[in-house]
């Protein structure tokens, strides 16, 4: 991957943070890059289910 594409990827990611997370430029610059990536990659389907609640839902 060339450096121009990497820089563009970072700029697009920062734009996504501004638009979707309503972060300011200073928030983005002071935040953990990998922490922000983790936020964007999180999905509702990844939520940990309580085994007891799962068992109850299967037996109802």
PDB file of N, CA and C in Angstrom:
ATOM      1  N   UNK A   1       0.862  -1.171   0.000  1.00  0.00           N
ATOM      2  CA  UNK A   1       0.000   0.000   0.000  1.00  0.00           C
ATOM      3  C   UNK A   1       0.905   1.229   0.000  1.00  0.00           C
ATOM      4  N   UNK A   2       0.578   2.198  -0.831  1.00  0.00           N
ATOM      5  CA  UNK A   2       1.455   3.365  -0.867  1.00  0.00           C
ATOM      6  C   UNK A   2       1.048   4.397   0.184  1.00  0.00           C
ATOM      7  N   UNK A   3       1.961   5.287   0.485  1.00  0.00           N
ATOM      8  CA  UNK A   3       1.768   6.267   1.560  1.00  0.00           C
ATOM      9  C   UNK A   3       0.595   7.201   1.281  1.00  0.00           C
ATOM     10  N   UNK A   4       0.362   7.528   0.009  1.00  0.00           N
ATOM     11  CA  UNK A   4      -0.757   8.396  -0.337  1.00  0.00           C
ATOM     12  C   UNK A   4      -2.096   7.782   0.027  1.00  0.00           C
ATOM     13  N   UNK A   5      -2.226   6.482  -0.215  1.00  0.00           N
ATOM     14  CA  UNK A   5      -3.461   5.787   0.140  1.00  0.00           C
ATOM     15  C   UNK A   5      -3.633   5.686   1.650  1.00  0.00           C
ATOM     16  N   UNK A   6      -2.543   5.458   2.375  1.00  0.00           N
ATOM     17  CA  UNK A   6      -2.624   5.382   3.835  1.00  0.00           C
ATOM     18  C   UNK A   6      -3.074   6.714   4.418  1.00  0.00           C
ATOM     19  N   UNK A   7      -2.511   7.810   3.917  1.00  0.00           N
ATOM     20  CA  UNK A   7      -2.904   9.127   4.397  1.00  0.00           C
ATOM     21  C   UNK A   7      -4.370   9.384   4.081  1.00  0.00           C
ATOM     22  N   UNK A   8      -4.807   9.019   2.892  1.00  0.00           N
ATOM     23  CA  UNK A   8      -6.196   9.206   2.517  1.00  0.00           C
ATOM     24  C   UNK A   8      -7.117   8.375   3.412  1.00  0.00           C
ATOM     25  N   UNK A   9      -6.714   7.145   3.752  1.00  0.00           N
ATOM     26  CA  UNK A   9      -7.499   6.303   4.652  1.00  0.00           C
ATOM     27  C   UNK A   9      -7.652   6.959   6.023  1.00  0.00           C
ATOM     28  N   UNK A  10      -6.588   7.544   6.521  1.00  0.00           N
ATOM     29  CA  UNK A  10      -6.636   8.221   7.829  1.00  0.00           C
ATOM     30  C   UNK A  10      -7.555   9.437   7.759  1.00  0.00           C
ATOM     31  N   UNK A  11      -7.450  10.203   6.696  1.00  0.00           N
ATOM     32  CA  UNK A  11      -8.318  11.382   6.544  1.00  0.00           C
ATOM     33  C   UNK A  11      -9.787  10.977   6.436  1.00  0.00           C
ATOM     34  N   UNK A  12     -10.075   9.922   5.701  1.00  0.00           N
ATOM     35  CA  UNK A  12     -11.456   9.452   5.590  1.00  0.00           C
ATOM     36  C   UNK A  12     -11.970   8.946   6.934  1.00  0.00           C
ATOM     37  N   UNK A  13     -11.092   8.286   7.694  1.00  0.00           N
ATOM     38  CA  UNK A  13     -11.483   7.813   9.021  1.00  0.00           C
ATOM     39  C   UNK A  13     -11.794   8.999   9.937  1.00  0.00           C
ATOM     40  N   UNK A  14     -10.956  10.028   9.896  1.00  0.00           N
ATOM     41  CA  UNK A  14     -11.209  11.221  10.717  1.00  0.00           C
ATOM     42  C   UNK A  14     -12.511  11.897  10.304  1.00  0.00           C
ATOM     43  N   UNK A  15     -12.785  11.924   9.016  1.00  0.00           N
ATOM     44  CA  UNK A  15     -14.052  12.490   8.537  1.00  0.00           C
ATOM     45  C   UNK A  15     -15.228  11.684   9.086  1.00  0.00           C
ATOM     46  N   UNK A  16     -15.092  10.362   9.084  1.00  0.00           N
ATOM     47  CA  UNK A  16     -16.141   9.502   9.615  1.00  0.00           C
ATOM     48  C   UNK A  16     -16.361   9.780  11.103  1.00  0.00           C
ATOM     49  N   UNK A  17     -15.287  10.015  11.843  1.00  0.00           N
ATOM     50  CA  UNK A  17     -15.394  10.349  13.271  1.00  0.00           C
ATOM     51  C   UNK A  17     -16.133  11.664  13.464  1.00  0.00           C
ATOM     52  N   UNK A  18     -15.826  12.635  12.620  1.00  0.00           N
ATOM     53  CA  UNK A  18     -16.488  13.936  12.714  1.00  0.00           C
ATOM     54  C   UNK A  18     -17.976  13.820  12.434  1.00  0.00           C
ATOM     55  N   UNK A  19     -18.317  13.080  11.395  1.00  0.00           N
ATOM     56  CA  UNK A  19     -19.700  13.000  10.936  1.00  0.00           C
ATOM     57  C   UNK A  19     -20.545  12.070  11.794  1.00  0.00           C
ATOM     58  N   UNK A  20     -20.019  10.871  12.089  1.00  0.00           N
ATOM     59  CA  UNK A  20     -20.820   9.864  12.766  1.00  0.00           C
ATOM     60  C   UNK A  20     -20.731   9.910  14.286  1.00  0.00           C
ATOM     61  N   UNK A  21     -19.606  10.334  14.812  1.00  0.00           N
ATOM     62  CA  UNK A  21     -19.445  10.376  16.272  1.00  0.00           C
ATOM     63  C   UNK A  21     -19.524  11.788  16.829  1.00  0.00           C
ATOM     64  N   UNK A  22     -19.636  12.762  15.938  1.00  0.00           N
ATOM     65  CA  UNK A  22     -19.703  14.173  16.334  1.00  0.00           C
ATOM     66  C   UNK A  22     -18.511  14.585  17.193  1.00  0.00           C
ATOM     67  N   UNK A  23     -17.351  14.041  16.856  1.00  0.00           N
ATOM     68  CA  UNK A  23     -16.134  14.409  17.572  1.00  0.00           C
ATOM     69  C   UNK A  23     -15.533  15.667  16.964  1.00  0.00           C
ATOM     70  N   UNK A  24     -14.877  16.453  17.787  1.00  0.00           N
ATOM     71  CA  UNK A  24     -14.165  17.622  17.276  1.00  0.00           C
ATOM     72  C   UNK A  24     -12.784  17.187  16.804  1.00  0.00           C
ATOM     73  N   UNK A  25     -12.105  18.080  16.094  1.00  0.00           N
ATOM     74  CA  UNK A  25     -10.747  17.760  15.646  1.00  0.00           C
ATOM     75  C   UNK A  25      -9.841  17.443  16.833  1.00  0.00           C
ATOM     76  N   UNK A  26      -9.964  18.221  17.902  1.00  0.00           N
ATOM     77  CA  UNK A  26      -9.101  17.968  19.064  1.00  0.00           C
ATOM     78  C   UNK A  26      -9.436  16.638  19.726  1.00  0.00           C
ATOM     79  N   UNK A  27     -10.731  16.265  19.734  1.00  0.00           N
ATOM     80  CA  UNK A  27     -11.118  14.962  20.279  1.00  0.00           C
ATOM     81  C   UNK A  27     -10.457  13.830  19.496  1.00  0.00           C
ATOM     82  N   UNK A  28     -10.472  13.965  18.179  1.00  0.00           N
ATOM     83  CA  UNK A  28      -9.889  12.929  17.318  1.00  0.00           C
ATOM     84  C   UNK A  28      -8.381  12.860  17.520  1.00  0.00           C
ATOM     85  N   UNK A  29      -7.735  14.011  17.556  1.00  0.00           N
ATOM     86  CA  UNK A  29      -6.285  14.037  17.708  1.00  0.00           C
ATOM     87  C   UNK A  29      -5.843  13.494  19.067  1.00  0.00           C
ATOM     88  N   UNK A  30      -6.669  13.667  20.107  1.00  0.00           N
ATOM     89  CA  UNK A  30      -6.313  13.220  21.456  1.00  0.00           C
ATOM     90  C   UNK A  30      -6.793  11.803  21.768  1.00  0.00           C
ATOM     91  N   UNK A  31      -7.596  11.222  20.880  1.00  0.00           N
ATOM     92  CA  UNK A  31      -8.155   9.893  21.126  1.00  0.00           C
ATOM     93  C   UNK A  31      -7.186   8.811  20.650  1.00  0.00           C
ATOM     94  N   UNK A  32      -7.373   7.645  21.191  1.00  0.00           N
ATOM     95  CA  UNK A  32      -6.612   6.477  20.738  1.00  0.00           C
ATOM     96  C   UNK A  32      -7.145   6.061  19.374  1.00  0.00           C
ATOM     97  N   UNK A  33      -6.271   6.013  18.392  1.00  0.00           N
ATOM     98  CA  UNK A  33      -6.670   5.623  17.039  1.00  0.00           C
ATOM     99  C   UNK A  33      -7.297   4.234  17.055  1.00  0.00           C
ATOM    100  N   UNK A  34      -6.673   3.292  17.737  1.00  0.00           N
ATOM    101  CA  UNK A  34      -7.180   1.925  17.771  1.00  0.00           C
ATOM    102  C   UNK A  34      -8.473   1.821  18.572  1.00  0.00           C
ATOM    103  N   UNK A  35      -8.629   2.686  19.571  1.00  0.00           N
ATOM    104  CA  UNK A  35      -9.889   2.732  20.310  1.00  0.00           C
ATOM    105  C   UNK A  35     -11.037   3.177  19.419  1.00  0.00           C
ATOM    106  N   UNK A  36     -10.784   4.185  18.588  1.00  0.00           N
ATOM    107  CA  UNK A  36     -11.814   4.650  17.661  1.00  0.00           C
ATOM    108  C   UNK A  36     -12.143   3.580  16.623  1.00  0.00           C
ATOM    109  N   UNK A  37     -11.122   2.879  16.136  1.00  0.00           N
ATOM    110  CA  UNK A  37     -11.351   1.786  15.185  1.00  0.00           C
ATOM    111  C   UNK A  37     -12.237   0.722  15.822  1.00  0.00           C
ATOM    112  N   UNK A  38     -11.974   0.402  17.080  1.00  0.00           N
ATOM    113  CA  UNK A  38     -12.770  -0.597  17.789  1.00  0.00           C
ATOM    114  C   UNK A  38     -14.229  -0.157  17.894  1.00  0.00           C
ATOM    115  N   UNK A  39     -14.459   1.124  18.156  1.00  0.00           N
ATOM    116  CA  UNK A  39     -15.821   1.654  18.228  1.00  0.00           C
ATOM    117  C   UNK A  39     -16.537   1.471  16.896  1.00  0.00           C
ATOM    118  N   UNK A  40     -15.879   1.840  15.810  1.00  0.00           N
ATOM    119  CA  UNK A  40     -16.503   1.722  14.500  1.00  0.00           C
ATOM    120  C   UNK A  40     -16.725   0.278  14.081  1.00  0.00           C
ATOM    121  N   UNK A  41     -15.918  -0.632  14.553  1.00  0.00           N
ATOM    122  CA  UNK A  41     -16.061  -2.034  14.172  1.00  0.00           C
ATOM    123  C   UNK A  41     -17.017  -2.802  15.065  1.00  0.00           C
ATOM    124  N   UNK A  42     -17.495  -2.190  16.137  1.00  0.00           N
ATOM    125  CA  UNK A  42     -18.388  -2.902  17.048  1.00  0.00           C
ATOM    126  C   UNK A  42     -19.750  -3.121  16.388  1.00  0.00           C
ATOM    127  N   UNK A  43     -20.346  -4.259  16.729  1.00  0.00           N
ATOM    128  CA  UNK A  43     -21.649  -4.609  16.178  1.00  0.00           C
ATOM    129  C   UNK A  43     -22.535  -5.122  17.299  1.00  0.00           C
ATOM    130  N   UNK A  44     -23.822  -4.892  17.160  1.00  0.00           N
ATOM    131  CA  UNK A  44     -24.769  -5.355  18.160  1.00  0.00           C
ATOM    132  C   UNK A  44     -24.708  -6.877  18.297  1.00  0.00           C
ATOM    133  N   UNK A  45     -24.446  -7.569  17.182  1.00  0.00           N
ATOM    134  CA  UNK A  45     -24.392  -9.029  17.185  1.00  0.00           C
ATOM    135  C   UNK A  45     -23.245  -9.566  18.038  1.00  0.00           C
ATOM    136  N   UNK A  46     -22.250  -8.736  18.327  1.00  0.00           N
ATOM    137  CA  UNK A  46     -21.093  -9.165  19.111  1.00  0.00           C
ATOM    138  C   UNK A  46     -21.332  -9.073  20.619  1.00  0.00           C
ATOM    139  N   UNK A  47     -22.491  -8.587  21.005  1.00  0.00           N
ATOM    140  CA  UNK A  47     -22.792  -8.418  22.427  1.00  0.00           C
ATOM    141  C   UNK A  47     -22.786  -9.773  23.128  1.00  0.00           C
ATOM    142  N   UNK A  48     -22.175  -9.812  24.289  1.00  0.00           N
ATOM    143  CA  UNK A  48     -22.086 -11.054  25.067  1.00  0.00           C
ATOM    144  C   UNK A  48     -23.442 -11.334  25.698  1.00  0.00           C
ATOM    145  N   UNK A  49     -23.903 -12.559  25.527  1.00  0.00           N
ATOM    146  CA  UNK A  49     -25.210 -12.968  26.047  1.00  0.00           C
ATOM    147  C   UNK A  49     -25.016 -13.731  27.346  1.00  0.00           C
ATOM    148  N   UNK A  50     -25.821 -13.381  28.334  1.00  0.00           N
ATOM    149  CA  UNK A  50     -25.813 -14.098  29.600  1.00  0.00           C
ATOM    150  C   UNK A  50     -26.322 -15.520  29.346  1.00  0.00           C
ATOM    151  N   UNK A  51     -25.544 -16.541  29.675  1.00  0.00           N
ATOM    152  CA  UNK A  51     -25.961 -17.923  29.400  1.00  0.00           C
ATOM    153  C   UNK A  51     -27.309 -18.276  30.027  1.00  0.00           C
ATOM    154  N   UNK A  52     -27.583 -17.770  31.223  1.00  0.00           N
ATOM    155  CA  UNK A  52     -28.854 -18.062  31.876  1.00  0.00           C
ATOM    156  C   UNK A  52     -30.019 -17.461  31.096  1.00  0.00           C
ATOM    157  N   UNK A  53     -29.835 -16.225  30.588  1.00  0.00           N
ATOM    158  CA  UNK A  53     -30.888 -15.587  29.801  1.00  0.00           C
ATOM    159  C   UNK A  53     -31.100 -16.342  28.483  1.00  0.00           C
ATOM    160  N   UNK A  54     -30.038 -16.809  27.872  1.00  0.00           N
ATOM    161  CA  UNK A  54     -30.148 -17.598  26.647  1.00  0.00           C
ATOM    162  C   UNK A  54     -30.921 -18.878  26.910  1.00  0.00           C
ATOM    163  N   UNK A  55     -30.581 -19.560  28.004  1.00  0.00           N
ATOM    164  CA  UNK A  55     -31.279 -20.794  28.377  1.00  0.00           C
ATOM    165  C   UNK A  55     -32.764 -20.541  28.593  1.00  0.00           C
ATOM    166  N   UNK A  56     -33.074 -19.443  29.299  1.00  0.00           N
ATOM    167  CA  UNK A  56     -34.482 -19.093  29.566  1.00  0.00           C
ATOM    168  C   UNK A  56     -35.223 -18.824  28.266  1.00  0.00           C
ATOM    169  N   UNK A  57     -34.579 -18.105  27.339  1.00  0.00           N
ATOM    170  CA  UNK A  57     -35.248 -17.762  26.090  1.00  0.00           C
ATOM    171  C   UNK A  57     -35.481 -19.006  25.224  1.00  0.00           C
ATOM    172  N   UNK A  58     -34.615 -19.997  25.310  1.00  0.00           N
ATOM    173  CA  UNK A  58     -34.786 -21.208  24.526  1.00  0.00           C
ATOM    174  C   UNK A  58     -35.856 -22.113  25.103  1.00  0.00           C
ATOM    175  N   UNK A  59     -36.128 -21.998  26.385  1.00  0.00           N
ATOM    176  CA  UNK A  59     -37.108 -22.861  27.046  1.00  0.00           C
ATOM    177  C   UNK A  59     -38.460 -22.189  27.253  1.00  0.00           C
ATOM    178  N   UNK A  60     -38.656 -21.026  26.698  1.00  0.00           N
ATOM    179  CA  UNK A  60     -39.947 -20.363  26.903  1.00  0.00           C
ATOM    180  C   UNK A  60     -40.864 -20.544  25.722  1.00  0.00           C
TER     181      UNK A  60
END
